Amino acid sequence: MAIGPSAVFNNMASINAVDRKQRSQTILAGQGVPFLEHLPTVEDEDSARIRPVEDVARRAMALCVVARKGEGLAHSRAMEIIEQYGLESAFSPNEHSFVFDPDPAERDKVQFSWKYECYWVMLWALNYVRELPTPDQVCDVQTAVQIMVDRTAMEFVESSKLRAADKILDALDLTYRYDWACVDSRLGQTVIPDWLNCGVVMERHRALNWLVGYPDDADWDDVTMDT
């Protein structure tokens, strides 16, 4: 059965899942972020199927290349990095079309530059960075890029240590609820604090959903951020 936050909440939700939801709501209340009391739980440690560490590491490296090209990395240099790290088959169809285009559209560059936020989630999940801070600003791009630059592809994979499932699920549950607040705000139905960066939240939500295989072990381009 596919895992993820859009599963219907019912009386069978585990104690861990309910406790996780309550912890997230306590954080949101303390930050002045609105939340929906009956928004479902995410699945728990017993049912979650976290992606294998090698898959997460390759997804991270692909995201780094995509984001760097979005930020303005020269096409020739992007091709060199792809060959150097053996990433020719690591990209999703949408990413492949972008990264192998020698002259992508400016709107696509902007869109893909946001993938630094997904990359940061992968770095966190692989224990390269210590935390996912409150989503009030974009990630530390220079540090994120340097983590990959300082390692070969083999070193990057071998140094990766997947974070415990409960920590990934904690981050997913909280991000899911941040995203609900962002979506509800866009619909004009609630007011969120000015500091909450909804672009960061959306990208984190995508990355965390992919990490837990939601929905239905979807490929990267098919991941949804249901709220």
C-alpha atoms as a PDB file:
ATOM      1  CA  MET A   1       0.000   0.000   0.000  1.00  0.00           C
ATOM      2  CA  ALA A   2       1.332   3.423  -0.852  1.00  0.00           C
ATOM      3  CA  ILE A   3       2.398   5.561   2.028  1.00  0.00           C
ATOM      4  CA  GLY A   4       2.008   9.231   2.552  1.00  0.00           C
ATOM      5  CA  PRO A   5       0.039  11.966   4.215  1.00  0.00           C
ATOM      6  CA  SER A   6      -3.104  11.781   2.120  1.00  0.00           C
ATOM      7  CA  ALA A   7      -4.133   8.418   3.551  1.00  0.00           C
ATOM      8  CA  VAL A   8      -7.543   8.812   5.185  1.00  0.00           C
ATOM      9  CA  PHE A   9      -7.189   9.457   8.913  1.00  0.00           C
ATOM     10  CA  ASN A  10      -9.082   6.916  10.951  1.00  0.00           C
ATOM     11  CA  ASN A  11      -9.091   5.216  14.318  1.00  0.00           C
ATOM     12  CA  MET A  12      -6.438   2.758  13.138  1.00  0.00           C
ATOM     13  CA  ALA A  13      -3.715   5.431  13.025  1.00  0.00           C
ATOM     14  CA  SER A  14      -0.861   4.289  15.217  1.00  0.00           C
ATOM     15  CA  ILE A  15       0.054   5.932  18.488  1.00  0.00           C
ATOM     16  CA  ASN A  16       3.357   7.027  16.937  1.00  0.00           C
ATOM     17  CA  ALA A  17       1.579   8.689  13.995  1.00  0.00           C
ATOM     18  CA  VAL A  18      -0.895  10.494  16.258  1.00  0.00           C
ATOM     19  CA  ASP A  19       1.885  11.615  18.611  1.00  0.00           C
ATOM     20  CA  ARG A  20       3.879  12.891  15.615  1.00  0.00           C
ATOM     21  CA  LYS A  21       0.891  14.894  14.394  1.00  0.00           C
ATOM     22  CA  GLN A  22       0.382  16.401  17.847  1.00  0.00           C
ATOM     23  CA  ARG A  23       4.056  17.385  18.098  1.00  0.00           C
ATOM     24  CA  SER A  24       3.850  19.081  14.712  1.00  0.00           C
ATOM     25  CA  GLN A  25       0.727  20.977  15.713  1.00  0.00           C
ATOM     26  CA  THR A  26       2.409  22.136  18.912  1.00  0.00           C
ATOM     27  CA  ILE A  27       5.309  23.526  16.858  1.00  0.00           C
ATOM     28  CA  LEU A  28       2.939  25.261  14.454  1.00  0.00           C
ATOM     29  CA  ALA A  29       0.882  26.758  17.271  1.00  0.00           C
ATOM     30  CA  GLY A  30       4.048  28.129  18.859  1.00  0.00           C
ATOM     31  CA  GLN A  31       5.023  29.733  15.541  1.00  0.00           C
ATOM     32  CA  GLY A  32       1.611  31.212  14.849  1.00  0.00           C
ATOM     33  CA  VAL A  33       1.114  29.017  11.763  1.00  0.00           C
ATOM     34  CA  PRO A  34      -2.513  27.901  11.252  1.00  0.00           C
ATOM     35  CA  PHE A  35      -3.242  24.189  10.982  1.00  0.00           C
ATOM     36  CA  LEU A  36      -6.181  21.934  10.265  1.00  0.00           C
ATOM     37  CA  GLU A  37      -7.020  19.746  13.249  1.00  0.00           C
ATOM     38  CA  HIS A  38      -8.430  16.892  11.175  1.00  0.00           C
ATOM     39  CA  LEU A  39      -5.644  16.811   8.563  1.00  0.00           C
ATOM     40  CA  PRO A  40      -4.534  13.140   8.346  1.00  0.00           C
ATOM     41  CA  THR A  41      -1.498  11.628   9.969  1.00  0.00           C
ATOM     42  CA  VAL A  42       1.456  10.396   7.942  1.00  0.00           C
ATOM     43  CA  GLU A  43       2.341   6.733   8.202  1.00  0.00           C
ATOM     44  CA  ASP A  44       4.538   5.446  10.946  1.00  0.00           C
ATOM     45  CA  GLU A  45       7.894   3.687  11.255  1.00  0.00           C
ATOM     46  CA  ASP A  46       6.325   0.248  10.844  1.00  0.00           C
ATOM     47  CA  SER A  47       4.711   0.976   7.485  1.00  0.00           C
ATOM     48  CA  ALA A  48       7.086   3.511   5.941  1.00  0.00           C
ATOM     49  CA  ARG A  49       9.307   2.339   3.080  1.00  0.00           C
ATOM     50  CA  ILE A  50      12.176   4.793   2.974  1.00  0.00           C
ATOM     51  CA  ARG A  51      14.136   4.825  -0.303  1.00  0.00           C
ATOM     52  CA  PRO A  52      17.495   2.992  -0.246  1.00  0.00           C
ATOM     53  CA  VAL A  53      20.494   5.118   0.629  1.00  0.00           C
ATOM     54  CA  GLU A  54      22.131   4.596  -2.783  1.00  0.00           C
ATOM     55  CA  ASP A  55      18.982   5.845  -4.548  1.00  0.00           C
ATOM     56  CA  VAL A  56      18.810   8.883  -2.298  1.00  0.00           C
ATOM     57  CA  ALA A  57      22.478   9.684  -2.919  1.00  0.00           C
ATOM     58  CA  ARG A  58      22.100   9.531  -6.699  1.00  0.00           C
ATOM     59  CA  ARG A  59      18.919  11.614  -6.541  1.00  0.00           C
ATOM     60  CA  ALA A  60      20.822  14.168  -4.479  1.00  0.00           C
ATOM     61  CA  MET A  61      23.657  14.437  -6.986  1.00  0.00           C
ATOM     62  CA  ALA A  62      21.220  14.763  -9.891  1.00  0.00           C
ATOM     63  CA  LEU A  63      19.333  17.509  -8.085  1.00  0.00           C
ATOM     64  CA  CYS A  64      22.555  19.380  -7.420  1.00  0.00           C
ATOM     65  CA  VAL A  65      23.451  19.384 -11.120  1.00  0.00           C
ATOM     66  CA  VAL A  66      19.944  20.427 -12.142  1.00  0.00           C
ATOM     67  CA  ALA A  67      19.852  23.266  -9.617  1.00  0.00           C
ATOM     68  CA  ARG A  68      23.317  24.495 -10.563  1.00  0.00           C
ATOM     69  CA  LYS A  69      22.352  24.626 -14.229  1.00  0.00           C
ATOM     70  CA  GLY A  70      19.188  26.465 -13.263  1.00  0.00           C
ATOM     71  CA  GLU A  71      21.329  28.981 -11.424  1.00  0.00           C
ATOM     72  CA  GLY A  72      23.477  29.537 -14.505  1.00  0.00           C
ATOM     73  CA  LEU A  73      26.117  26.797 -14.702  1.00  0.00           C
ATOM     74  CA  ALA A  74      27.464  26.628 -18.252  1.00  0.00           C
ATOM     75  CA  HIS A  75      26.067  23.772 -20.336  1.00  0.00           C
ATOM     76  CA  SER A  76      29.548  22.452 -21.167  1.00  0.00           C
ATOM     77  CA  ARG A  77      30.472  22.328 -17.473  1.00  0.00           C
ATOM     78  CA  ALA A  78      27.213  20.581 -16.615  1.00  0.00           C
ATOM     79  CA  MET A  79      28.025  17.909 -19.205  1.00  0.00           C
ATOM     80  CA  GLU A  80      31.487  17.458 -17.694  1.00  0.00           C
ATOM     81  CA  ILE A  81      30.049  16.968 -14.216  1.00  0.00           C
ATOM     82  CA  ILE A  82      27.439  14.505 -15.463  1.00  0.00           C
ATOM     83  CA  GLU A  83      30.156  12.404 -17.089  1.00  0.00           C
ATOM     84  CA  GLN A  84      32.503  12.732 -14.119  1.00  0.00           C
ATOM     85  CA  TYR A  85      29.856  11.510 -11.659  1.00  0.00           C
ATOM     86  CA  GLY A  86      28.247   8.949 -13.951  1.00  0.00           C
ATOM     87  CA  LEU A  87      24.846  10.623 -13.776  1.00  0.00           C
ATOM     88  CA  GLU A  88      23.709  10.154 -17.367  1.00  0.00           C
ATOM     89  CA  SER A  89      20.769   7.970 -16.271  1.00  0.00           C
ATOM     90  CA  ALA A  90      20.097   9.673 -12.923  1.00  0.00           C
ATOM     91  CA  PHE A  91      17.715  12.351 -14.169  1.00  0.00           C
ATOM     92  CA  SER A  92      13.955  12.242 -14.403  1.00  0.00           C
ATOM     93  CA  PRO A  93      12.461  12.827 -17.892  1.00  0.00           C
ATOM     94  CA  ASN A  94      11.707  16.473 -17.093  1.00  0.00           C
ATOM     95  CA  GLU A  95      15.178  17.005 -15.648  1.00  0.00           C
ATOM     96  CA  HIS A  96      16.814  15.269 -18.606  1.00  0.00           C
ATOM     97  CA  SER A  97      15.074  17.562 -21.071  1.00  0.00           C
ATOM     98  CA  PHE A  98      16.288  20.585 -19.132  1.00  0.00           C
ATOM     99  CA  VAL A  99      19.828  19.614 -18.242  1.00  0.00           C
ATOM    100  CA  PHE A 100      20.740  18.356 -21.715  1.00  0.00           C
ATOM    101  CA  ASP A 101      19.281  21.438 -23.415  1.00  0.00           C
ATOM    102  CA  PRO A 102      22.179  23.752 -24.321  1.00  0.00           C
ATOM    103  CA  ASP A 103      19.899  26.799 -24.181  1.00  0.00           C
ATOM    104  CA  PRO A 104      16.939  26.251 -21.830  1.00  0.00           C
ATOM    105  CA  ALA A 105      14.251  28.873 -21.340  1.00  0.00           C
ATOM    106  CA  GLU A 106      14.705  31.374 -18.532  1.00  0.00           C
ATOM    107  CA  ARG A 107      11.486  30.259 -16.851  1.00  0.00           C
ATOM    108  CA  ASP A 108      12.832  26.706 -16.729  1.00  0.00           C
ATOM    109  CA  LYS A 109      16.084  27.932 -15.202  1.00  0.00           C
ATOM    110  CA  VAL A 110      14.151  29.648 -12.442  1.00  0.00           C
ATOM    111  CA  GLN A 111      12.006  26.587 -11.833  1.00  0.00           C
ATOM    112  CA  PHE A 112      14.934  24.197 -11.627  1.00  0.00           C
ATOM    113  CA  SER A 113      17.064  26.500  -9.503  1.00  0.00           C
ATOM    114  CA  TRP A 114      14.509  25.878  -6.761  1.00  0.00           C
ATOM    115  CA  LYS A 115      15.659  22.255  -6.668  1.00  0.00           C
ATOM    116  CA  TYR A 116      18.439  23.331  -4.333  1.00  0.00           C
ATOM    117  CA  GLU A 117      15.775  23.034  -1.654  1.00  0.00           C
ATOM    118  CA  CYS A 118      15.078  19.416  -2.641  1.00  0.00           C
ATOM    119  CA  TYR A 119      18.817  18.766  -2.722  1.00  0.00           C
ATOM    120  CA  TRP A 120      19.164  20.178   0.799  1.00  0.00           C
ATOM    121  CA  VAL A 121      16.501  17.742   2.029  1.00  0.00           C
ATOM    122  CA  MET A 122      18.470  14.870   0.504  1.00  0.00           C
ATOM    123  CA  LEU A 123      21.674  16.129   2.143  1.00  0.00           C
ATOM    124  CA  TRP A 124      19.848  16.228   5.458  1.00  0.00           C
ATOM    125  CA  ALA A 125      18.396  12.738   4.935  1.00  0.00           C
ATOM    126  CA  LEU A 126      21.922  11.478   4.138  1.00  0.00           C
ATOM    127  CA  ASN A 127      23.354  13.128   7.273  1.00  0.00           C
ATOM    128  CA  TYR A 128      25.503  15.618   5.379  1.00  0.00           C
ATOM    129  CA  VAL A 129      23.761  18.553   7.071  1.00  0.00           C
ATOM    130  CA  ARG A 130      22.522  18.579  10.642  1.00  0.00           C
ATOM    131  CA  GLU A 131      19.035  19.978  10.372  1.00  0.00           C
ATOM    132  CA  LEU A 132      16.150  21.200   8.311  1.00  0.00           C
ATOM    133  CA  PRO A 133      15.684  24.660   9.790  1.00  0.00           C
ATOM    134  CA  THR A 134      12.410  26.514  10.013  1.00  0.00           C
ATOM    135  CA  PRO A 135      11.395  27.252   6.393  1.00  0.00           C
ATOM    136  CA  ASP A 136      11.868  30.994   6.574  1.00  0.00           C
ATOM    137  CA  GLN A 137      14.677  31.327   4.023  1.00  0.00           C
ATOM    138  CA  VAL A 138      16.380  29.429   1.224  1.00  0.00           C
ATOM    139  CA  CYS A 139      19.102  26.897   1.954  1.00  0.00           C
ATOM    140  CA  ASP A 140      22.849  27.540   2.098  1.00  0.00           C
ATOM    141  CA  VAL A 141      23.582  26.979  -1.588  1.00  0.00           C
ATOM    142  CA  GLN A 142      27.356  27.396  -1.311  1.00  0.00           C
ATOM    143  CA  THR A 143      27.632  24.744   1.409  1.00  0.00           C
ATOM    144  CA  ALA A 144      25.259  22.426  -0.438  1.00  0.00           C
ATOM    145  CA  VAL A 145      27.261  22.555  -3.665  1.00  0.00           C
ATOM    146  CA  GLN A 146      30.582  22.174  -1.894  1.00  0.00           C
ATOM    147  CA  ILE A 147      29.478  18.924  -0.257  1.00  0.00           C
ATOM    148  CA  MET A 148      29.241  17.312  -3.694  1.00  0.00           C
ATOM    149  CA  VAL A 149      32.242  19.093  -5.188  1.00  0.00           C
ATOM    150  CA  ASP A 150      34.495  17.820  -2.384  1.00  0.00           C
ATOM    151  CA  ARG A 151      33.689  14.175  -3.175  1.00  0.00           C
ATOM    152  CA  THR A 152      33.772  11.755  -6.057  1.00  0.00           C
ATOM    153  CA  ALA A 153      30.532   9.973  -6.870  1.00  0.00           C
ATOM    154  CA  MET A 154      31.750   6.877  -5.018  1.00  0.00           C
ATOM    155  CA  GLU A 155      32.798   8.919  -1.992  1.00  0.00           C
ATOM    156  CA  PHE A 156      29.455  10.715  -1.940  1.00  0.00           C
ATOM    157  CA  VAL A 157      27.533   7.428  -1.909  1.00  0.00           C
ATOM    158  CA  GLU A 158      29.831   5.670   0.536  1.00  0.00           C
ATOM    159  CA  SER A 159      29.802   8.591   2.987  1.00  0.00           C
ATOM    160  CA  SER A 160      26.005   8.770   2.947  1.00  0.00           C
ATOM    161  CA  LYS A 161      24.245   7.479   6.061  1.00  0.00           C
ATOM    162  CA  LEU A 162      20.488   7.482   5.854  1.00  0.00           C
ATOM    163  CA  ARG A 163      18.765   9.251   8.719  1.00  0.00           C
ATOM    164  CA  ALA A 164      16.420   7.206  10.906  1.00  0.00           C
ATOM    165  CA  ALA A 165      12.901   6.726   9.564  1.00  0.00           C
ATOM    166  CA  ASP A 166      11.275   8.434  12.559  1.00  0.00           C
ATOM    167  CA  LYS A 167      13.247  11.633  11.888  1.00  0.00           C
ATOM    168  CA  ILE A 168      12.304  11.631   8.206  1.00  0.00           C
ATOM    169  CA  LEU A 169       8.651  11.098   9.121  1.00  0.00           C
ATOM    170  CA  ASP A 170       8.815  13.890  11.711  1.00  0.00           C
ATOM    171  CA  ALA A 171      10.078  16.249   9.012  1.00  0.00           C
ATOM    172  CA  LEU A 172       7.438  15.065   6.541  1.00  0.00           C
ATOM    173  CA  ASP A 173       4.572  15.481   8.983  1.00  0.00           C
ATOM    174  CA  LEU A 174       5.578  19.022   9.919  1.00  0.00           C
ATOM    175  CA  THR A 175       6.296  20.048   6.318  1.00  0.00           C
ATOM    176  CA  TYR A 176       2.973  18.584   5.199  1.00  0.00           C
ATOM    177  CA  ARG A 177       1.190  20.837   7.676  1.00  0.00           C
ATOM    178  CA  TYR A 178       3.240  23.873   6.669  1.00  0.00           C
ATOM    179  CA  ASP A 179       2.231  23.182   3.075  1.00  0.00           C
ATOM    180  CA  TRP A 180      -1.435  22.958   4.006  1.00  0.00           C
ATOM    181  CA  ALA A 181      -1.150  26.419   5.567  1.00  0.00           C
ATOM    182  CA  CYS A 182       0.553  27.764   2.437  1.00  0.00           C
ATOM    183  CA  VAL A 183      -2.065  26.307   0.097  1.00  0.00           C
ATOM    184  CA  ASP A 184      -4.932  27.536   2.270  1.00  0.00           C
ATOM    185  CA  SER A 185      -3.358  30.978   2.336  1.00  0.00           C
ATOM    186  CA  ARG A 186      -3.118  31.075  -1.474  1.00  0.00           C
ATOM    187  CA  LEU A 187      -6.813  30.234  -1.588  1.00  0.00           C
ATOM    188  CA  GLY A 188      -7.473  33.234   0.636  1.00  0.00           C
ATOM    189  CA  GLN A 189      -8.903  31.113   3.432  1.00  0.00           C
ATOM    190  CA  THR A 190      -6.286  31.718   6.122  1.00  0.00           C
ATOM    191  CA  VAL A 191      -3.413  34.032   6.986  1.00  0.00           C
ATOM    192  CA  ILE A 192       0.144  32.792   7.476  1.00  0.00           C
ATOM    193  CA  PRO A 193       3.127  34.566   9.047  1.00  0.00           C
ATOM    194  CA  ASP A 194       5.168  36.708   6.672  1.00  0.00           C
ATOM    195  CA  TRP A 195       8.333  34.742   7.438  1.00  0.00           C
ATOM    196  CA  LEU A 196       6.993  31.427   6.115  1.00  0.00           C
ATOM    197  CA  ASN A 197       8.620  30.767   2.722  1.00  0.00           C
ATOM    198  CA  CYS A 198       6.074  28.703   0.822  1.00  0.00           C
ATOM    199  CA  GLY A 199       8.458  28.033  -2.071  1.00  0.00           C
ATOM    200  CA  VAL A 200      10.870  26.334   0.316  1.00  0.00           C
ATOM    201  CA  VAL A 201       8.010  24.428   1.937  1.00  0.00           C
ATOM    202  CA  MET A 202       6.704  23.101  -1.389  1.00  0.00           C
ATOM    203  CA  GLU A 203      10.113  21.848  -2.521  1.00  0.00           C
ATOM    204  CA  ARG A 204      10.769  20.203   0.839  1.00  0.00           C
ATOM    205  CA  HIS A 205       7.377  18.528   0.686  1.00  0.00           C
ATOM    206  CA  ARG A 206       8.146  17.099  -2.745  1.00  0.00           C
ATOM    207  CA  ALA A 207      11.518  15.763  -1.622  1.00  0.00           C
ATOM    208  CA  LEU A 208      10.183  14.230   1.586  1.00  0.00           C
ATOM    209  CA  ASN A 209       7.263  12.594  -0.224  1.00  0.00           C
ATOM    210  CA  TRP A 210       9.719  11.050  -2.679  1.00  0.00           C
ATOM    211  CA  LEU A 211      11.876   9.800   0.202  1.00  0.00           C
ATOM    212  CA  VAL A 212       8.956   7.820   1.599  1.00  0.00           C
ATOM    213  CA  GLY A 213       7.663   6.697  -1.808  1.00  0.00           C
ATOM    214  CA  TYR A 214       4.496   8.770  -1.866  1.00  0.00           C
ATOM    215  CA  PRO A 215       2.315   8.255  -3.798  1.00  0.00           C
ATOM    216  CA  ASP A 216       2.605   4.629  -4.900  1.00  0.00           C
ATOM    217  CA  ASP A 217       6.423   4.704  -5.121  1.00  0.00           C
ATOM    218  CA  ALA A 218       6.097   7.419  -7.760  1.00  0.00           C
ATOM    219  CA  ASP A 219       9.017   8.462  -9.920  1.00  0.00           C
ATOM    220  CA  TRP A 220      10.341  11.953  -9.239  1.00  0.00           C
ATOM    221  CA  ASP A 221       8.259  13.742 -11.887  1.00  0.00           C
ATOM    222  CA  ASP A 222       5.070  12.112 -10.592  1.00  0.00           C
ATOM    223  CA  VAL A 223       5.438  12.973  -6.908  1.00  0.00           C
ATOM    224  CA  THR A 224       2.508  15.021  -5.620  1.00  0.00           C
ATOM    225  CA  MET A 225       2.217  17.330  -2.631  1.00  0.00           C
ATOM    226  CA  ASP A 226      -1.336  16.578  -1.525  1.00  0.00           C
ATOM    227  CA  THR A 227      -2.720  18.610   1.333  1.00  0.00           C
END
